[in-house]
Amino acid sequence: MNLFPFLHLRETKYIHLWHRKCQGCWKCVEICPKDVLAGRGRLNHGHVRIKDRDACNGCKKCVRVCVNNAIEYIYVPRSRQHAAEKEIES
């Protein structure tokens, strides 16, 4: 059971997007090579959203370009990742 079903709108496997910190400059949308992020219209506060979470490869370009620290890199060691996958299978 997922206690936070809305997190898929803010996370990929590698990044977490903080909507409250986003100022809508959209530099991350422009620099993303995999077209993971998309901008919302200016009428909807101009925040960035995650468009294709499976396309993210963890290149960190969006993290580096964000001056407001609205995008955070999530590091998951392989050992913890495999342990979590085995736990799900059980």
PDB file of N, CA and C in Angstrom:
ATOM      1  N   MET A   1       0.830  -1.177   0.000  1.00  0.00           N
ATOM      2  CA  MET A   1       0.000   0.000   0.000  1.00  0.00           C
ATOM      3  C   MET A   1       0.880   1.248   0.000  1.00  0.00           C
ATOM      4  N   ASN A   2       0.630   2.120  -0.938  1.00  0.00           N
ATOM      5  CA  ASN A   2       1.410   3.343  -1.058  1.00  0.00           C
ATOM      6  C   ASN A   2       0.739   4.458  -0.258  1.00  0.00           C
ATOM      7  N   LEU A   3       1.418   4.941   0.768  1.00  0.00           N
ATOM      8  CA  LEU A   3       0.856   5.992   1.609  1.00  0.00           C
ATOM      9  C   LEU A   3       0.895   7.365   0.947  1.00  0.00           C
ATOM     10  N   PHE A   4       1.772   7.526  -0.020  1.00  0.00           N
ATOM     11  CA  PHE A   4       1.923   8.811  -0.698  1.00  0.00           C
ATOM     12  C   PHE A   4       1.790   8.607  -2.212  1.00  0.00           C
ATOM     13  N   PRO A   5       0.583   8.398  -2.718  1.00  0.00           N
ATOM     14  CA  PRO A   5       0.411   8.104  -4.143  1.00  0.00           C
ATOM     15  C   PRO A   5       0.743   9.276  -5.063  1.00  0.00           C
ATOM     16  N   PHE A   6       0.796  10.495  -4.528  1.00  0.00           N
ATOM     17  CA  PHE A   6       1.078  11.667  -5.344  1.00  0.00           C
ATOM     18  C   PHE A   6       2.566  11.847  -5.635  1.00  0.00           C
ATOM     19  N   LEU A   7       3.442  11.068  -4.993  1.00  0.00           N
ATOM     20  CA  LEU A   7       4.880  11.263  -5.179  1.00  0.00           C
ATOM     21  C   LEU A   7       5.337  10.969  -6.600  1.00  0.00           C
ATOM     22  N   HIS A   8       4.598  10.162  -7.357  1.00  0.00           N
ATOM     23  CA  HIS A   8       5.005   9.891  -8.733  1.00  0.00           C
ATOM     24  C   HIS A   8       5.000  11.166  -9.565  1.00  0.00           C
ATOM     25  N   LEU A   9       4.308  12.179  -9.114  1.00  0.00           N
ATOM     26  CA  LEU A   9       4.282  13.449  -9.818  1.00  0.00           C
ATOM     27  C   LEU A   9       5.513  14.291  -9.521  1.00  0.00           C
ATOM     28  N   ARG A  10       6.248  13.941  -8.470  1.00  0.00           N
ATOM     29  CA  ARG A  10       7.391  14.745  -8.037  1.00  0.00           C
ATOM     30  C   ARG A  10       8.722  14.008  -8.080  1.00  0.00           C
ATOM     31  N   GLU A  11       8.726  12.728  -8.372  1.00  0.00           N
ATOM     32  CA  GLU A  11       9.971  11.961  -8.318  1.00  0.00           C
ATOM     33  C   GLU A  11      10.179  11.084  -9.542  1.00  0.00           C
ATOM     34  N   THR A  12      11.453  10.909  -9.851  1.00  0.00           N
ATOM     35  CA  THR A  12      11.866   9.854 -10.761  1.00  0.00           C
ATOM     36  C   THR A  12      12.748   8.937  -9.921  1.00  0.00           C
ATOM     37  N   LYS A  13      13.408   8.028 -10.571  1.00  0.00           N
ATOM     38  CA  LYS A  13      14.313   7.137  -9.847  1.00  0.00           C
ATOM     39  C   LYS A  13      15.513   7.907  -9.285  1.00  0.00           C
ATOM     40  N   TYR A  14      15.846   9.039  -9.903  1.00  0.00           N
ATOM     41  CA  TYR A  14      17.068   9.768  -9.549  1.00  0.00           C
ATOM     42  C   TYR A  14      16.868  11.162  -8.966  1.00  0.00           C
ATOM     43  N   ILE A  15      15.748  11.797  -9.236  1.00  0.00           N
ATOM     44  CA  ILE A  15      15.558  13.171  -8.773  1.00  0.00           C
ATOM     45  C   ILE A  15      14.235  13.344  -8.021  1.00  0.00           C
ATOM     46  N   HIS A  16      14.200  14.355  -7.166  1.00  0.00           N
ATOM     47  CA  HIS A  16      12.975  14.765  -6.483  1.00  0.00           C
ATOM     48  C   HIS A  16      12.765  16.242  -6.776  1.00  0.00           C
ATOM     49  N   LEU A  17      11.561  16.591  -7.162  1.00  0.00           N
ATOM     50  CA  LEU A  17      11.223  17.957  -7.523  1.00  0.00           C
ATOM     51  C   LEU A  17      10.429  18.605  -6.399  1.00  0.00           C
ATOM     52  N   TRP A  18      10.935  19.728  -5.895  1.00  0.00           N
ATOM     53  CA  TRP A  18      10.270  20.479  -4.829  1.00  0.00           C
ATOM     54  C   TRP A  18       9.517  21.635  -5.471  1.00  0.00           C
ATOM     55  N   HIS A  19       8.202  21.493  -5.600  1.00  0.00           N
ATOM     56  CA  HIS A  19       7.381  22.508  -6.259  1.00  0.00           C
ATOM     57  C   HIS A  19       7.417  23.846  -5.536  1.00  0.00           C
ATOM     58  N   ARG A  20       7.492  23.845  -4.232  1.00  0.00           N
ATOM     59  CA  ARG A  20       7.471  25.108  -3.474  1.00  0.00           C
ATOM     60  C   ARG A  20       8.733  25.944  -3.696  1.00  0.00           C
ATOM     61  N   LYS A  21       9.831  25.293  -4.023  1.00  0.00           N
ATOM     62  CA  LYS A  21      11.073  26.025  -4.268  1.00  0.00           C
ATOM     63  C   LYS A  21      11.191  26.497  -5.716  1.00  0.00           C
ATOM     64  N   CYS A  22      10.451  25.883  -6.607  1.00  0.00           N
ATOM     65  CA  CYS A  22      10.548  26.190  -8.039  1.00  0.00           C
ATOM     66  C   CYS A  22      10.031  27.597  -8.319  1.00  0.00           C
ATOM     67  N   GLN A  23      10.835  28.382  -9.043  1.00  0.00           N
ATOM     68  CA  GLN A  23      10.458  29.752  -9.401  1.00  0.00           C
ATOM     69  C   GLN A  23      10.025  29.866 -10.859  1.00  0.00           C
ATOM     70  N   GLY A  24      10.022  28.756 -11.580  1.00  0.00           N
ATOM     71  CA  GLY A  24       9.533  28.758 -12.955  1.00  0.00           C
ATOM     72  C   GLY A  24      10.479  29.359 -13.978  1.00  0.00           C
ATOM     73  N   CYS A  25      11.770  29.239 -13.771  1.00  0.00           N
ATOM     74  CA  CYS A  25      12.716  29.748 -14.771  1.00  0.00           C
ATOM     75  C   CYS A  25      12.835  28.798 -15.966  1.00  0.00           C
ATOM     76  N   TRP A  26      12.524  27.556 -15.755  1.00  0.00           N
ATOM     77  CA  TRP A  26      12.494  26.494 -16.770  1.00  0.00           C
ATOM     78  C   TRP A  26      13.854  26.191 -17.404  1.00  0.00           C
ATOM     79  N   LYS A  27      14.940  26.556 -16.741  1.00  0.00           N
ATOM     80  CA  LYS A  27      16.273  26.211 -17.248  1.00  0.00           C
ATOM     81  C   LYS A  27      16.476  24.703 -17.269  1.00  0.00           C
ATOM     82  N   CYS A  28      15.897  24.014 -16.282  1.00  0.00           N
ATOM     83  CA  CYS A  28      16.028  22.560 -16.219  1.00  0.00           C
ATOM     84  C   CYS A  28      15.310  21.880 -17.384  1.00  0.00           C
ATOM     85  N   VAL A  29      14.193  22.461 -17.815  1.00  0.00           N
ATOM     86  CA  VAL A  29      13.446  21.911 -18.954  1.00  0.00           C
ATOM     87  C   VAL A  29      14.283  22.029 -20.222  1.00  0.00           C
ATOM     88  N   GLU A  30      14.955  23.153 -20.367  1.00  0.00           N
ATOM     89  CA  GLU A  30      15.768  23.396 -21.556  1.00  0.00           C
ATOM     90  C   GLU A  30      16.998  22.506 -21.611  1.00  0.00           C
ATOM     91  N   ILE A  31      17.599  22.198 -20.453  1.00  0.00           N
ATOM     92  CA  ILE A  31      18.867  21.467 -20.437  1.00  0.00           C
ATOM     93  C   ILE A  31      18.696  19.942 -20.410  1.00  0.00           C
ATOM     94  N   CYS A  32      17.515  19.458 -20.051  1.00  0.00           N
ATOM     95  CA  CYS A  32      17.301  18.009 -19.910  1.00  0.00           C
ATOM     96  C   CYS A  32      17.408  17.299 -21.264  1.00  0.00           C
ATOM     97  N   PRO A  33      18.375  16.381 -21.412  1.00  0.00           N
ATOM     98  CA  PRO A  33      18.565  15.708 -22.697  1.00  0.00           C
ATOM     99  C   PRO A  33      17.513  14.634 -22.993  1.00  0.00           C
ATOM    100  N   LYS A  34      16.829  14.169 -21.987  1.00  0.00           N
ATOM    101  CA  LYS A  34      15.851  13.087 -22.163  1.00  0.00           C
ATOM    102  C   LYS A  34      14.403  13.569 -22.156  1.00  0.00           C
ATOM    103  N   ASP A  35      14.183  14.872 -22.079  1.00  0.00           N
ATOM    104  CA  ASP A  35      12.844  15.448 -22.083  1.00  0.00           C
ATOM    105  C   ASP A  35      11.979  14.902 -20.943  1.00  0.00           C
ATOM    106  N   VAL A  36      12.578  14.827 -19.757  1.00  0.00           N
ATOM    107  CA  VAL A  36      11.894  14.318 -18.566  1.00  0.00           C
ATOM    108  C   VAL A  36      10.991  15.383 -17.966  1.00  0.00           C
ATOM    109  N   LEU A  37      11.446  16.627 -17.968  1.00  0.00           N
ATOM    110  CA  LEU A  37      10.725  17.724 -17.330  1.00  0.00           C
ATOM    111  C   LEU A  37       9.958  18.552 -18.356  1.00  0.00           C
ATOM    112  N   ALA A  38       8.872  19.143 -17.891  1.00  0.00           N
ATOM    113  CA  ALA A  38       8.079  20.032 -18.746  1.00  0.00           C
ATOM    114  C   ALA A  38       7.600  21.199 -17.905  1.00  0.00           C
ATOM    115  N   GLY A  39       7.390  22.316 -18.543  1.00  0.00           N
ATOM    116  CA  GLY A  39       6.899  23.493 -17.842  1.00  0.00           C
ATOM    117  C   GLY A  39       5.391  23.576 -17.910  1.00  0.00           C
ATOM    118  N   ARG A  40       4.789  24.040 -16.846  1.00  0.00           N
ATOM    119  CA  ARG A  40       3.352  24.317 -16.850  1.00  0.00           C
ATOM    120  C   ARG A  40       3.157  25.737 -17.342  1.00  0.00           C
ATOM    121  N   GLY A  41       1.959  26.032 -17.767  1.00  0.00           N
ATOM    122  CA  GLY A  41       1.657  27.372 -18.234  1.00  0.00           C
ATOM    123  C   GLY A  41       1.829  28.409 -17.139  1.00  0.00           C
ATOM    124  N   ARG A  42       2.089  29.619 -17.494  1.00  0.00           N
ATOM    125  CA  ARG A  42       2.301  30.699 -16.527  1.00  0.00           C
ATOM    126  C   ARG A  42       1.055  30.954 -15.672  1.00  0.00           C
ATOM    127  N   LEU A  43      -0.122  30.641 -16.182  1.00  0.00           N
ATOM    128  CA  LEU A  43      -1.336  30.825 -15.401  1.00  0.00           C
ATOM    129  C   LEU A  43      -1.408  29.844 -14.240  1.00  0.00           C
ATOM    130  N   ASN A  44      -0.742  28.713 -14.375  1.00  0.00           N
ATOM    131  CA  ASN A  44      -0.709  27.704 -13.313  1.00  0.00           C
ATOM    132  C   ASN A  44       0.574  27.808 -12.511  1.00  0.00           C
ATOM    133  N   HIS A  45       0.976  28.995 -12.161  1.00  0.00           N
ATOM    134  CA  HIS A  45       2.126  29.289 -11.311  1.00  0.00           C
ATOM    135  C   HIS A  45       3.471  29.058 -11.987  1.00  0.00           C
ATOM    136  N   GLY A  46       3.509  28.558 -13.199  1.00  0.00           N
ATOM    137  CA  GLY A  46       4.749  28.418 -13.930  1.00  0.00           C
ATOM    138  C   GLY A  46       5.724  27.391 -13.417  1.00  0.00           C
ATOM    139  N   HIS A  47       5.289  26.504 -12.551  1.00  0.00           N
ATOM    140  CA  HIS A  47       6.191  25.502 -12.010  1.00  0.00           C
ATOM    141  C   HIS A  47       6.534  24.426 -13.043  1.00  0.00           C
ATOM    142  N   VAL A  48       7.633  23.749 -12.794  1.00  0.00           N
ATOM    143  CA  VAL A  48       8.047  22.634 -13.629  1.00  0.00           C
ATOM    144  C   VAL A  48       7.361  21.373 -13.122  1.00  0.00           C
ATOM    145  N   ARG A  49       7.085  20.458 -14.019  1.00  0.00           N
ATOM    146  CA  ARG A  49       6.511  19.169 -13.654  1.00  0.00           C
ATOM    147  C   ARG A  49       7.312  18.056 -14.319  1.00  0.00           C
ATOM    148  N   ILE A  50       7.143  16.860 -13.819  1.00  0.00           N
ATOM    149  CA  ILE A  50       7.805  15.701 -14.414  1.00  0.00           C
ATOM    150  C   ILE A  50       6.869  15.114 -15.460  1.00  0.00           C
ATOM    151  N   LYS A  51       7.360  15.073 -16.688  1.00  0.00           N
ATOM    152  CA  LYS A  51       6.552  14.607 -17.812  1.00  0.00           C
ATOM    153  C   LYS A  51       6.730  13.113 -18.064  1.00  0.00           C
ATOM    154  N   ASP A  52       7.980  12.643 -18.057  1.00  0.00           N
ATOM    155  CA  ASP A  52       8.267  11.234 -18.341  1.00  0.00           C
ATOM    156  C   ASP A  52       9.282  10.728 -17.335  1.00  0.00           C
ATOM    157  N   ARG A  53       8.799  10.193 -16.221  1.00  0.00           N
ATOM    158  CA  ARG A  53       9.690   9.804 -15.132  1.00  0.00           C
ATOM    159  C   ARG A  53      10.565   8.599 -15.468  1.00  0.00           C
ATOM    160  N   ASP A  54      10.156   7.752 -16.380  1.00  0.00           N
ATOM    161  CA  ASP A  54      10.945   6.577 -16.737  1.00  0.00           C
ATOM    162  C   ASP A  54      12.122   6.916 -17.649  1.00  0.00           C
ATOM    163  N   ALA A  55      12.097   8.071 -18.284  1.00  0.00           N
ATOM    164  CA  ALA A  55      13.167   8.464 -19.192  1.00  0.00           C
ATOM    165  C   ALA A  55      14.392   9.013 -18.461  1.00  0.00           C
ATOM    166  N   CYS A  56      14.259   9.366 -17.200  1.00  0.00           N
ATOM    167  CA  CYS A  56      15.357   9.970 -16.446  1.00  0.00           C
ATOM    168  C   CYS A  56      16.511   8.982 -16.290  1.00  0.00           C
ATOM    169  N   ASN A  57      17.723   9.442 -16.633  1.00  0.00           N
ATOM    170  CA  ASN A  57      18.903   8.576 -16.516  1.00  0.00           C
ATOM    171  C   ASN A  57      19.865   9.032 -15.413  1.00  0.00           C
ATOM    172  N   GLY A  58      19.496  10.046 -14.652  1.00  0.00           N
ATOM    173  CA  GLY A  58      20.323  10.490 -13.536  1.00  0.00           C
ATOM    174  C   GLY A  58      21.553  11.274 -13.929  1.00  0.00           C
ATOM    175  N   CYS A  59      21.495  12.017 -15.004  1.00  0.00           N
ATOM    176  CA  CYS A  59      22.662  12.775 -15.472  1.00  0.00           C
ATOM    177  C   CYS A  59      22.968  13.993 -14.596  1.00  0.00           C
ATOM    178  N   LYS A  60      22.036  14.446 -13.798  1.00  0.00           N
ATOM    179  CA  LYS A  60      22.166  15.562 -12.854  1.00  0.00           C
ATOM    180  C   LYS A  60      22.299  16.933 -13.506  1.00  0.00           C
ATOM    181  N   LYS A  61      22.048  17.055 -14.789  1.00  0.00           N
ATOM    182  CA  LYS A  61      22.135  18.362 -15.436  1.00  0.00           C
ATOM    183  C   LYS A  61      21.090  19.317 -14.873  1.00  0.00           C
ATOM    184  N   CYS A  62      19.892  18.811 -14.631  1.00  0.00           N
ATOM    185  CA  CYS A  62      18.829  19.655 -14.086  1.00  0.00           C
ATOM    186  C   CYS A  62      19.145  20.086 -12.657  1.00  0.00           C
ATOM    187  N   VAL A  63      19.783  19.209 -11.903  1.00  0.00           N
ATOM    188  CA  VAL A  63      20.151  19.527 -10.517  1.00  0.00           C
ATOM    189  C   VAL A  63      21.183  20.650 -10.494  1.00  0.00           C
ATOM    190  N   ARG A  64      22.149  20.573 -11.387  1.00  0.00           N
ATOM    191  CA  ARG A  64      23.222  21.573 -11.431  1.00  0.00           C
ATOM    192  C   ARG A  64      22.734  22.949 -11.887  1.00  0.00           C
ATOM    193  N   VAL A  65      21.773  22.980 -12.800  1.00  0.00           N
ATOM    194  CA  VAL A  65      21.331  24.248 -13.370  1.00  0.00           C
ATOM    195  C   VAL A  65      20.310  24.971 -12.483  1.00  0.00           C
ATOM    196  N   CYS A  66      19.682  24.277 -11.562  1.00  0.00           N
ATOM    197  CA  CYS A  66      18.649  24.881 -10.726  1.00  0.00           C
ATOM    198  C   CYS A  66      19.281  25.733  -9.621  1.00  0.00           C
ATOM    199  N   VAL A  67      19.088  27.043  -9.704  1.00  0.00           N
ATOM    200  CA  VAL A  67      19.678  27.963  -8.721  1.00  0.00           C
ATOM    201  C   VAL A  67      18.851  28.029  -7.435  1.00  0.00           C
ATOM    202  N   ASN A  68      17.628  27.533  -7.466  1.00  0.00           N
ATOM    203  CA  ASN A  68      16.747  27.571  -6.294  1.00  0.00           C
ATOM    204  C   ASN A  68      16.745  26.268  -5.506  1.00  0.00           C
ATOM    205  N   ASN A  69      17.564  25.326  -5.896  1.00  0.00           N
ATOM    206  CA  ASN A  69      17.638  24.004  -5.264  1.00  0.00           C
ATOM    207  C   ASN A  69      16.276  23.306  -5.222  1.00  0.00           C
ATOM    208  N   ALA A  70      15.511  23.466  -6.285  1.00  0.00           N
ATOM    209  CA  ALA A  70      14.186  22.849  -6.368  1.00  0.00           C
ATOM    210  C   ALA A  70      14.261  21.399  -6.832  1.00  0.00           C
ATOM    211  N   ILE A  71      15.403  20.997  -7.368  1.00  0.00           N
ATOM    212  CA  ILE A  71      15.588  19.621  -7.826  1.00  0.00           C
ATOM    213  C   ILE A  71      16.710  19.000  -7.021  1.00  0.00           C
ATOM    214  N   GLU A  72      16.419  17.878  -6.414  1.00  0.00           N
ATOM    215  CA  GLU A  72      17.373  17.204  -5.543  1.00  0.00           C
ATOM    216  C   GLU A  72      17.696  15.825  -6.112  1.00  0.00           C
ATOM    217  N   TYR A  73      18.969  15.500  -6.130  1.00  0.00           N
ATOM    218  CA  TYR A  73      19.399  14.186  -6.595  1.00  0.00           C
ATOM    219  C   TYR A  73      19.179  13.162  -5.491  1.00  0.00           C
ATOM    220  N   ILE A  74      18.611  12.020  -5.853  1.00  0.00           N
ATOM    221  CA  ILE A  74      18.365  10.939  -4.901  1.00  0.00           C
ATOM    222  C   ILE A  74      19.384   9.840  -5.183  1.00  0.00           C
ATOM    223  N   TYR A  75      20.234   9.578  -4.236  1.00  0.00           N
ATOM    224  CA  TYR A  75      21.234   8.522  -4.391  1.00  0.00           C
ATOM    225  C   TYR A  75      20.782   7.271  -3.669  1.00  0.00           C
ATOM    226  N   VAL A  76      20.655   6.192  -4.405  1.00  0.00           N
ATOM    227  CA  VAL A  76      20.283   4.912  -3.817  1.00  0.00           C
ATOM    228  C   VAL A  76      21.375   3.910  -4.182  1.00  0.00           C
ATOM    229  N   PRO A  77      22.167   3.479  -3.206  1.00  0.00           N
ATOM    230  CA  PRO A  77      23.205   2.493  -3.496  1.00  0.00           C
ATOM    231  C   PRO A  77      22.597   1.211  -4.065  1.00  0.00           C
ATOM    232  N   ARG A  78      23.335   0.551  -4.925  1.00  0.00           N
ATOM    233  CA  ARG A  78      22.837  -0.664  -5.557  1.00  0.00           C
ATOM    234  C   ARG A  78      22.455  -1.739  -4.544  1.00  0.00           C
ATOM    235  N   SER A  79      23.198  -1.853  -3.470  1.00  0.00           N
ATOM    236  CA  SER A  79      22.900  -2.883  -2.483  1.00  0.00           C
ATOM    237  C   SER A  79      21.527  -2.632  -1.848  1.00  0.00           C
ATOM    238  N   ARG A  80      21.209  -1.396  -1.551  1.00  0.00           N
ATOM    239  CA  ARG A  80      19.895  -1.070  -0.984  1.00  0.00           C
ATOM    240  C   ARG A  80      18.804  -1.227  -2.024  1.00  0.00           C
ATOM    241  N   GLN A  81      19.123  -0.908  -3.268  1.00  0.00           N
ATOM    242  CA  GLN A  81      18.148  -1.013  -4.339  1.00  0.00           C
ATOM    243  C   GLN A  81      17.763  -2.475  -4.565  1.00  0.00           C
ATOM    244  N   HIS A  82      18.753  -3.371  -4.589  1.00  0.00           N
ATOM    245  CA  HIS A  82      18.470  -4.792  -4.778  1.00  0.00           C
ATOM    246  C   HIS A  82      17.720  -5.367  -3.587  1.00  0.00           C
ATOM    247  N   ALA A  83      18.045  -4.912  -2.393  1.00  0.00           N
ATOM    248  CA  ALA A  83      17.347  -5.383  -1.205  1.00  0.00           C
ATOM    249  C   ALA A  83      15.875  -4.957  -1.235  1.00  0.00           C
ATOM    250  N   ALA A  84      15.617  -3.756  -1.697  1.00  0.00           N
ATOM    251  CA  ALA A  84      14.232  -3.276  -1.798  1.00  0.00           C
ATOM    252  C   ALA A  84      13.460  -4.051  -2.853  1.00  0.00           C
ATOM    253  N   GLU A  85      14.119  -4.378  -3.983  1.00  0.00           N
ATOM    254  CA  GLU A  85      13.450  -5.142  -5.022  1.00  0.00           C
ATOM    255  C   GLU A  85      13.115  -6.551  -4.547  1.00  0.00           C
ATOM    256  N   LYS A  86      14.026  -7.175  -3.791  1.00  0.00           N
ATOM    257  CA  LYS A  86      13.766  -8.513  -3.267  1.00  0.00           C
ATOM    258  C   LYS A  86      12.636  -8.489  -2.254  1.00  0.00           C
ATOM    259  N   GLU A  87      12.561  -7.408  -1.463  1.00  0.00           N
ATOM    260  CA  GLU A  87      11.514  -7.280  -0.465  1.00  0.00           C
ATOM    261  C   GLU A  87      10.147  -7.165  -1.136  1.00  0.00           C
ATOM    262  N   ILE A  88      10.094  -6.460  -2.242  1.00  0.00           N
ATOM    263  CA  ILE A  88       8.846  -6.305  -2.982  1.00  0.00           C
ATOM    264  C   ILE A  88       8.398  -7.635  -3.566  1.00  0.00           C
ATOM    265  N   GLU A  89       9.344  -8.425  -4.070  1.00  0.00           N
ATOM    266  CA  GLU A  89       9.021  -9.717  -4.647  1.00  0.00           C
ATOM    267  C   GLU A  89       8.484 -10.701  -3.633  1.00  0.00           C
ATOM    268  N   SER A  90       8.923 -10.568  -2.386  1.00  0.00           N
ATOM    269  CA  SER A  90       8.506 -11.504  -1.345  1.00  0.00           C
ATOM    270  C   SER A  90       7.075 -11.322  -0.922  1.00  0.00           C
TER     271      SER A  90
END
